[in-house]
Amino acid sequence: MLVNRNYCIILLMPQGFEIIRARIKDDAVVLIDRLMRSKQQEVVLVLPKNSIISADLRSLKILKEEAESVGKILAVSTENNEI
């Protein structure tokens, strides 16, 4: 099922996008830095199931706000059903 969900997200995104794969220990600061360094306007953030950032919904909201503040479109792909 996850593969289908990822596949749909990628189909809906334009060709000029970047996939950022978060590591389990990546926090919001690390991911904001990676997001800001992306040369693409559209970014898909892939979160591992037990990642630190997945456990903190406030950090995800901050990440989204940071993306929007610089005109980036952020999509999130994860196995965590709470997000």
Protein backbone atom coordinates (compact mmCIF):
# COMPACT_ATOMS: atom_id res chain seq x y z
CA MET A 1 0.00 0.00 0.00
CA LEU A 2 2.83 2.43 0.80
CA VAL A 3 4.29 1.96 -2.66
CA ASN A 4 0.94 2.92 -4.21
CA ARG A 5 0.68 6.01 -2.01
CA ASN A 6 4.23 7.11 -2.93
CA TYR A 7 3.54 6.39 -6.57
CA CYS A 8 0.44 8.61 -6.52
CA ILE A 9 2.29 11.48 -4.89
CA ILE A 10 5.05 11.33 -7.46
CA LEU A 11 2.56 11.20 -10.31
CA LEU A 12 0.86 14.35 -9.07
CA MET A 13 4.11 16.27 -8.70
CA PRO A 14 5.63 18.05 -11.72
CA GLN A 15 8.85 16.68 -13.20
CA GLY A 16 11.03 19.27 -11.45
CA PHE A 17 10.91 17.93 -7.89
CA GLU A 18 13.37 16.51 -5.40
CA ILE A 19 12.96 13.59 -3.03
CA ILE A 20 14.55 14.09 0.38
CA ARG A 21 14.87 10.88 2.38
CA ALA A 22 15.08 11.66 6.09
CA ARG A 23 17.15 9.51 8.38
CA ILE A 24 15.68 8.24 11.65
CA LYS A 25 17.70 10.70 13.75
CA ASP A 26 17.10 13.79 11.55
CA ASP A 27 15.39 16.56 13.48
CA ALA A 28 13.56 19.63 12.16
CA VAL A 29 16.74 21.73 11.98
CA VAL A 30 18.52 19.20 9.76
CA LEU A 31 15.50 18.77 7.48
CA ILE A 32 14.88 22.52 7.19
CA ASP A 33 18.50 22.92 6.11
CA ARG A 34 18.16 20.20 3.50
CA LEU A 35 14.86 21.69 2.31
CA MET A 36 16.35 25.17 1.97
CA ARG A 37 19.35 23.83 0.01
CA SER A 38 17.07 22.11 -2.50
CA LYS A 39 17.14 23.80 -5.88
CA GLN A 40 13.64 22.50 -6.68
CA GLN A 41 10.41 24.28 -5.76
CA GLU A 42 8.57 20.98 -5.16
CA VAL A 43 10.00 18.61 -2.55
CA VAL A 44 8.81 15.18 -1.38
CA LEU A 45 10.00 14.38 2.15
CA VAL A 46 10.17 10.64 2.82
CA LEU A 47 10.08 9.86 6.54
CA PRO A 48 11.09 6.51 8.04
CA LYS A 49 8.47 4.87 10.22
CA ASN A 50 10.21 5.57 13.55
CA SER A 51 11.87 8.87 12.74
CA ILE A 52 12.26 11.57 15.37
CA ILE A 53 10.45 14.13 13.21
CA SER A 54 7.43 11.81 12.78
CA ALA A 55 6.94 11.71 16.54
CA ASP A 56 6.71 15.51 16.81
CA LEU A 57 3.84 16.96 14.80
CA ARG A 58 4.79 20.52 15.84
CA SER A 59 8.16 20.09 14.12
CA LEU A 60 6.42 18.91 10.96
CA LYS A 61 4.21 21.99 11.05
CA ILE A 62 7.29 24.22 11.42
CA LEU A 63 8.92 22.41 8.50
CA LYS A 64 5.84 23.06 6.36
CA GLU A 65 5.76 26.74 7.36
CA GLU A 66 9.46 27.15 6.54
CA ALA A 67 8.89 25.57 3.12
CA GLU A 68 5.97 27.92 2.42
CA SER A 69 7.96 30.96 3.56
CA VAL A 70 10.43 30.43 0.71
CA GLY A 71 7.80 29.43 -1.86
CA LYS A 72 8.39 25.67 -1.79
CA ILE A 73 5.70 23.01 -2.04
CA LEU A 74 6.24 20.20 0.45
CA ALA A 75 4.69 16.73 0.27
CA VAL A 76 5.31 14.11 2.96
CA SER A 77 5.45 10.36 2.46
CA THR A 78 5.50 8.09 5.52
CA GLU A 79 4.23 4.81 6.91
CA ASN A 80 3.15 6.60 10.09
CA ASN A 81 -0.66 6.66 10.03
CA GLU A 82 -0.84 9.48 12.59
CA ILE A 83 0.56 12.06 10.15
